[in-house]
Amino acid sequence: MIISTTHTLQGRTIESYCGLVAGESILGANIFRDLFGKVRDIVGGRSSAYEKVMAEARQQAIEELRVQAQKLGANAVIGIDVDYEVIGETGSMMMVSAIGTAVKVSA
C-alpha cells in the first residue's frame, strides 16, 4: 500500500478513485508525562515523552486509514492530511486524525 501526502504518484497512473478514508487516534498523556512536560516548558528543551506519544498516535491513525483503504480495494492513499488536536476538559488527551483519498494505481 502506497501512502502519500501528494495528490499524484510519480510513474503511476490513477486508475480509479475508491473514496475518502480516515483514521483517528486518541491518546491520553499520563500525569508523569504531563509533569515532565511542564518542567520542560519552564526550563526549555524537547519532551521526548510527548514526541513518542505523538508519533504513536500518528502511526495508529495512518494504519487505520490504510486498513479502510484496503477494504475498499485500493492499493494507495493519496493527498493525506494529518491534523493534531488537544481535547478534553483539561486538555489531557490528544487526537490525531488522518484523511486521504483511496485509489487504485497502475503497477
N, C-alpha and C. Protein backbone atom coordinates (compact mmCIF):
# COMPACT_ATOMS: atom_id res chain seq x y z
N MET A 1 0.86 -1.18 0.00
CA MET A 1 0.00 0.00 0.00
C MET A 1 0.90 1.23 0.00
N ILE A 2 0.70 2.09 -0.99
CA ILE A 2 1.43 3.35 -1.04
C ILE A 2 0.64 4.40 -0.27
N ILE A 3 1.32 5.09 0.62
CA ILE A 3 0.71 6.14 1.44
C ILE A 3 1.46 7.43 1.12
N SER A 4 0.74 8.47 0.67
CA SER A 4 1.43 9.69 0.26
C SER A 4 0.62 10.95 0.56
N THR A 5 1.33 12.02 0.87
CA THR A 5 0.68 13.32 1.06
C THR A 5 0.47 14.03 -0.27
N THR A 6 1.11 13.53 -1.33
CA THR A 6 0.95 14.16 -2.65
C THR A 6 -0.36 13.71 -3.30
N HIS A 7 -0.79 14.44 -4.29
CA HIS A 7 -2.05 14.12 -4.97
C HIS A 7 -1.85 13.28 -6.22
N THR A 8 -0.61 13.06 -6.59
CA THR A 8 -0.26 12.16 -7.69
C THR A 8 0.92 11.32 -7.25
N LEU A 9 1.16 10.23 -7.95
CA LEU A 9 2.30 9.37 -7.66
C LEU A 9 3.16 9.28 -8.92
N GLN A 10 4.38 9.70 -8.81
CA GLN A 10 5.28 9.72 -9.96
C GLN A 10 5.42 8.32 -10.55
N GLY A 11 5.24 8.23 -11.86
CA GLY A 11 5.37 6.96 -12.55
C GLY A 11 4.17 6.04 -12.43
N ARG A 12 3.12 6.48 -11.78
CA ARG A 12 1.91 5.68 -11.61
C ARG A 12 0.72 6.44 -12.16
N THR A 13 -0.23 5.71 -12.68
CA THR A 13 -1.46 6.31 -13.18
C THR A 13 -2.60 5.91 -12.26
N ILE A 14 -3.40 6.88 -11.87
CA ILE A 14 -4.57 6.59 -11.04
C ILE A 14 -5.62 5.97 -11.94
N GLU A 15 -5.97 4.73 -11.67
CA GLU A 15 -6.95 4.01 -12.49
C GLU A 15 -8.38 4.24 -12.01
N SER A 16 -8.55 4.36 -10.68
CA SER A 16 -9.88 4.63 -10.14
C SER A 16 -9.78 5.19 -8.73
N TYR A 17 -10.80 5.96 -8.39
CA TYR A 17 -10.90 6.54 -7.05
C TYR A 17 -11.88 5.69 -6.25
N CYS A 18 -11.46 5.25 -5.07
CA CYS A 18 -12.30 4.38 -4.25
C CYS A 18 -13.07 5.14 -3.17
N GLY A 19 -12.63 6.34 -2.84
CA GLY A 19 -13.34 7.15 -1.86
C GLY A 19 -12.43 7.69 -0.78
N LEU A 20 -13.01 8.51 0.07
CA LEU A 20 -12.28 9.08 1.20
C LEU A 20 -12.11 8.05 2.30
N VAL A 21 -10.96 8.07 2.93
CA VAL A 21 -10.71 7.21 4.09
C VAL A 21 -10.13 8.08 5.20
N ALA A 22 -10.41 7.68 6.43
CA ALA A 22 -9.93 8.47 7.57
C ALA A 22 -9.54 7.54 8.70
N GLY A 23 -8.65 8.03 9.52
CA GLY A 23 -8.25 7.30 10.71
C GLY A 23 -8.06 8.29 11.85
N GLU A 24 -8.46 7.88 13.02
CA GLU A 24 -8.31 8.73 14.20
C GLU A 24 -7.64 7.94 15.31
N SER A 25 -6.91 8.64 16.13
CA SER A 25 -6.29 8.03 17.30
C SER A 25 -6.36 9.05 18.43
N ILE A 26 -6.86 8.61 19.56
CA ILE A 26 -6.93 9.49 20.73
C ILE A 26 -6.13 8.84 21.84
N LEU A 27 -5.15 9.58 22.31
CA LEU A 27 -4.28 9.07 23.36
C LEU A 27 -4.26 10.03 24.53
N GLY A 28 -4.21 9.50 25.70
CA GLY A 28 -4.09 10.32 26.90
C GLY A 28 -2.65 10.32 27.37
N ALA A 29 -2.20 11.47 27.81
CA ALA A 29 -0.86 11.56 28.39
C ALA A 29 -1.01 11.39 29.90
N ASN A 30 -0.22 10.50 30.48
CA ASN A 30 -0.38 10.27 31.92
C ASN A 30 0.21 11.42 32.73
N ILE A 31 -0.05 11.42 34.00
CA ILE A 31 0.33 12.54 34.87
C ILE A 31 1.84 12.75 34.92
N PHE A 32 2.63 11.67 34.84
CA PHE A 32 4.08 11.83 34.88
C PHE A 32 4.60 12.52 33.62
N ARG A 33 4.03 12.17 32.48
CA ARG A 33 4.41 12.86 31.25
C ARG A 33 3.99 14.32 31.32
N ASP A 34 2.78 14.58 31.85
CA ASP A 34 2.32 15.97 31.98
C ASP A 34 3.25 16.77 32.87
N LEU A 35 3.62 16.20 34.01
CA LEU A 35 4.51 16.89 34.94
C LEU A 35 5.86 17.15 34.29
N PHE A 36 6.41 16.13 33.64
CA PHE A 36 7.72 16.28 32.99
C PHE A 36 7.64 17.30 31.85
N GLY A 37 6.53 17.27 31.10
CA GLY A 37 6.34 18.23 30.02
C GLY A 37 6.30 19.66 30.53
N LYS A 38 5.64 19.88 31.67
CA LYS A 38 5.56 21.23 32.25
C LYS A 38 6.94 21.71 32.70
N VAL A 39 7.73 20.80 33.27
CA VAL A 39 9.09 21.17 33.66
C VAL A 39 9.89 21.55 32.43
N ARG A 40 9.76 20.79 31.35
CA ARG A 40 10.47 21.10 30.10
C ARG A 40 10.03 22.46 29.56
N ASP A 41 8.74 22.77 29.68
CA ASP A 41 8.24 24.07 29.22
C ASP A 41 8.92 25.22 29.97
N ILE A 42 9.17 25.01 31.26
CA ILE A 42 9.77 26.06 32.09
C ILE A 42 11.26 26.20 31.79
N VAL A 43 11.99 25.08 31.72
CA VAL A 43 13.44 25.15 31.55
C VAL A 43 13.89 25.04 30.10
N GLY A 44 12.99 24.72 29.22
CA GLY A 44 13.33 24.59 27.81
C GLY A 44 13.73 23.17 27.46
N GLY A 45 13.86 22.91 26.18
CA GLY A 45 14.25 21.59 25.72
C GLY A 45 13.08 20.84 25.12
N ARG A 46 13.39 19.66 24.62
CA ARG A 46 12.39 18.82 23.98
C ARG A 46 11.84 17.83 24.98
N SER A 47 10.59 17.48 24.80
CA SER A 47 9.95 16.48 25.64
C SER A 47 9.82 15.19 24.84
N SER A 48 10.76 14.27 25.03
CA SER A 48 10.74 13.03 24.26
C SER A 48 9.52 12.19 24.57
N ALA A 49 8.97 12.31 25.79
CA ALA A 49 7.76 11.55 26.14
C ALA A 49 6.60 11.98 25.26
N TYR A 50 6.41 13.29 25.08
CA TYR A 50 5.34 13.78 24.22
C TYR A 50 5.60 13.44 22.75
N GLU A 51 6.85 13.55 22.33
CA GLU A 51 7.18 13.22 20.95
C GLU A 51 6.84 11.76 20.64
N LYS A 52 7.12 10.89 21.59
CA LYS A 52 6.82 9.47 21.41
C LYS A 52 5.31 9.24 21.31
N VAL A 53 4.54 9.88 22.18
CA VAL A 53 3.08 9.74 22.15
C VAL A 53 2.53 10.25 20.82
N MET A 54 3.03 11.38 20.35
CA MET A 54 2.55 11.94 19.08
C MET A 54 2.87 11.00 17.92
N ALA A 55 4.07 10.43 17.91
CA ALA A 55 4.46 9.51 16.84
C ALA A 55 3.57 8.26 16.85
N GLU A 56 3.30 7.72 18.04
CA GLU A 56 2.43 6.54 18.15
C GLU A 56 1.03 6.84 17.65
N ALA A 57 0.49 7.99 18.03
CA ALA A 57 -0.86 8.36 17.61
C ALA A 57 -0.93 8.54 16.10
N ARG A 58 0.08 9.18 15.52
CA ARG A 58 0.12 9.37 14.06
C ARG A 58 0.18 8.03 13.34
N GLN A 59 1.01 7.12 13.82
CA GLN A 59 1.13 5.80 13.21
C GLN A 59 -0.18 5.03 13.28
N GLN A 60 -0.87 5.11 14.42
CA GLN A 60 -2.15 4.42 14.57
C GLN A 60 -3.20 4.99 13.62
N ALA A 61 -3.26 6.32 13.49
CA ALA A 61 -4.25 6.94 12.61
C ALA A 61 -3.98 6.56 11.16
N ILE A 62 -2.73 6.55 10.75
CA ILE A 62 -2.39 6.19 9.36
C ILE A 62 -2.65 4.71 9.11
N GLU A 63 -2.39 3.86 10.10
CA GLU A 63 -2.68 2.43 9.95
C GLU A 63 -4.18 2.20 9.79
N GLU A 64 -5.00 2.90 10.56
CA GLU A 64 -6.46 2.78 10.43
C GLU A 64 -6.90 3.22 9.04
N LEU A 65 -6.33 4.29 8.55
CA LEU A 65 -6.63 4.80 7.21
C LEU A 65 -6.25 3.74 6.16
N ARG A 66 -5.08 3.12 6.31
CA ARG A 66 -4.61 2.09 5.38
C ARG A 66 -5.56 0.89 5.35
N VAL A 67 -6.01 0.46 6.53
CA VAL A 67 -6.93 -0.68 6.61
C VAL A 67 -8.24 -0.37 5.90
N GLN A 68 -8.78 0.83 6.10
CA GLN A 68 -10.01 1.23 5.42
C GLN A 68 -9.83 1.23 3.91
N ALA A 69 -8.70 1.74 3.45
CA ALA A 69 -8.42 1.79 2.01
C ALA A 69 -8.34 0.38 1.43
N GLN A 70 -7.71 -0.52 2.15
CA GLN A 70 -7.58 -1.89 1.70
C GLN A 70 -8.95 -2.55 1.57
N LYS A 71 -9.86 -2.26 2.51
CA LYS A 71 -11.22 -2.81 2.45
C LYS A 71 -11.96 -2.32 1.21
N LEU A 72 -11.61 -1.13 0.72
CA LEU A 72 -12.24 -0.58 -0.48
C LEU A 72 -11.59 -1.10 -1.76
N GLY A 73 -10.55 -1.91 -1.63
CA GLY A 73 -9.86 -2.45 -2.80
C GLY A 73 -8.77 -1.54 -3.34
N ALA A 74 -8.39 -0.53 -2.59
CA ALA A 74 -7.36 0.41 -3.05
C ALA A 74 -5.97 -0.18 -2.82
N ASN A 75 -5.01 0.32 -3.60
CA ASN A 75 -3.62 -0.06 -3.36
C ASN A 75 -2.75 1.16 -3.05
N ALA A 76 -3.42 2.31 -2.85
CA ALA A 76 -2.70 3.53 -2.46
C ALA A 76 -3.67 4.50 -1.81
N VAL A 77 -3.12 5.40 -1.00
CA VAL A 77 -3.89 6.51 -0.44
C VAL A 77 -3.08 7.76 -0.73
N ILE A 78 -3.73 8.72 -1.38
CA ILE A 78 -3.04 9.95 -1.76
C ILE A 78 -3.67 11.16 -1.07
N GLY A 79 -2.95 12.26 -1.09
CA GLY A 79 -3.46 13.51 -0.53
C GLY A 79 -3.71 13.45 0.95
N ILE A 80 -2.91 12.69 1.67
CA ILE A 80 -3.14 12.53 3.11
C ILE A 80 -2.84 13.83 3.84
N ASP A 81 -3.74 14.16 4.75
CA ASP A 81 -3.58 15.32 5.63
C ASP A 81 -3.66 14.80 7.06
N VAL A 82 -2.69 15.16 7.88
CA VAL A 82 -2.66 14.73 9.28
C VAL A 82 -2.84 15.97 10.14
N ASP A 83 -3.80 15.90 11.06
CA ASP A 83 -4.09 17.01 11.97
C ASP A 83 -3.95 16.55 13.42
N TYR A 84 -3.54 17.48 14.27
CA TYR A 84 -3.37 17.21 15.69
C TYR A 84 -4.27 18.16 16.48
N GLU A 85 -4.97 17.63 17.46
CA GLU A 85 -5.84 18.44 18.33
C GLU A 85 -5.69 18.00 19.77
N VAL A 86 -5.67 18.95 20.68
CA VAL A 86 -5.72 18.66 22.11
C VAL A 86 -7.19 18.72 22.50
N ILE A 87 -7.68 17.67 23.15
CA ILE A 87 -9.09 17.61 23.52
C ILE A 87 -9.24 17.25 24.99
N GLY A 88 -10.45 17.32 25.46
CA GLY A 88 -10.75 17.01 26.86
C GLY A 88 -10.84 18.29 27.67
N GLU A 89 -11.55 18.22 28.76
CA GLU A 89 -11.77 19.41 29.61
C GLU A 89 -10.46 20.01 30.11
N THR A 90 -9.50 19.16 30.42
CA THR A 90 -8.22 19.65 30.92
C THR A 90 -7.13 19.63 29.86
N GLY A 91 -7.49 19.29 28.65
CA GLY A 91 -6.50 19.23 27.57
C GLY A 91 -5.53 18.08 27.74
N SER A 92 -5.96 17.02 28.41
CA SER A 92 -5.07 15.90 28.70
C SER A 92 -5.10 14.81 27.64
N MET A 93 -5.89 14.98 26.62
CA MET A 93 -5.99 13.98 25.55
C MET A 93 -5.53 14.61 24.25
N MET A 94 -4.95 13.79 23.40
CA MET A 94 -4.52 14.26 22.10
C MET A 94 -5.19 13.41 21.03
N MET A 95 -5.75 14.07 20.03
CA MET A 95 -6.36 13.37 18.90
C MET A 95 -5.54 13.66 17.66
N VAL A 96 -5.21 12.60 16.97
CA VAL A 96 -4.55 12.72 15.68
C VAL A 96 -5.51 12.15 14.65
N SER A 97 -5.78 12.92 13.62
CA SER A 97 -6.65 12.42 12.55
C SER A 97 -5.91 12.49 11.22
N ALA A 98 -6.15 11.49 10.41
CA ALA A 98 -5.55 11.43 9.08
C ALA A 98 -6.67 11.15 8.09
N ILE A 99 -6.68 11.88 6.99
CA ILE A 99 -7.69 11.69 5.96
C ILE A 99 -7.00 11.72 4.60
N GLY A 100 -7.48 10.92 3.69
CA GLY A 100 -6.90 10.88 2.35
C GLY A 100 -7.87 10.25 1.37
N THR A 101 -7.43 10.12 0.14
CA THR A 101 -8.24 9.54 -0.92
C THR A 101 -7.67 8.17 -1.29
N ALA A 102 -8.49 7.14 -1.14
CA ALA A 102 -8.10 5.78 -1.52
C ALA A 102 -8.23 5.65 -3.03
N VAL A 103 -7.19 5.12 -3.67
CA VAL A 103 -7.17 4.98 -5.12
C VAL A 103 -6.57 3.64 -5.52
N LYS A 104 -6.86 3.25 -6.75
CA LYS A 104 -6.17 2.13 -7.38
C LYS A 104 -5.23 2.74 -8.40
N VAL A 105 -3.95 2.38 -8.31
CA VAL A 105 -2.96 2.90 -9.23
C VAL A 105 -2.34 1.76 -10.02
N SER A 106 -1.79 2.11 -11.18
CA SER A 106 -1.12 1.13 -12.01
C SER A 106 0.18 0.69 -11.34
N ALA A 107 0.64 -0.49 -11.70
CA ALA A 107 1.86 -1.04 -11.09
C ALA A 107 3.11 -0.41 -11.59
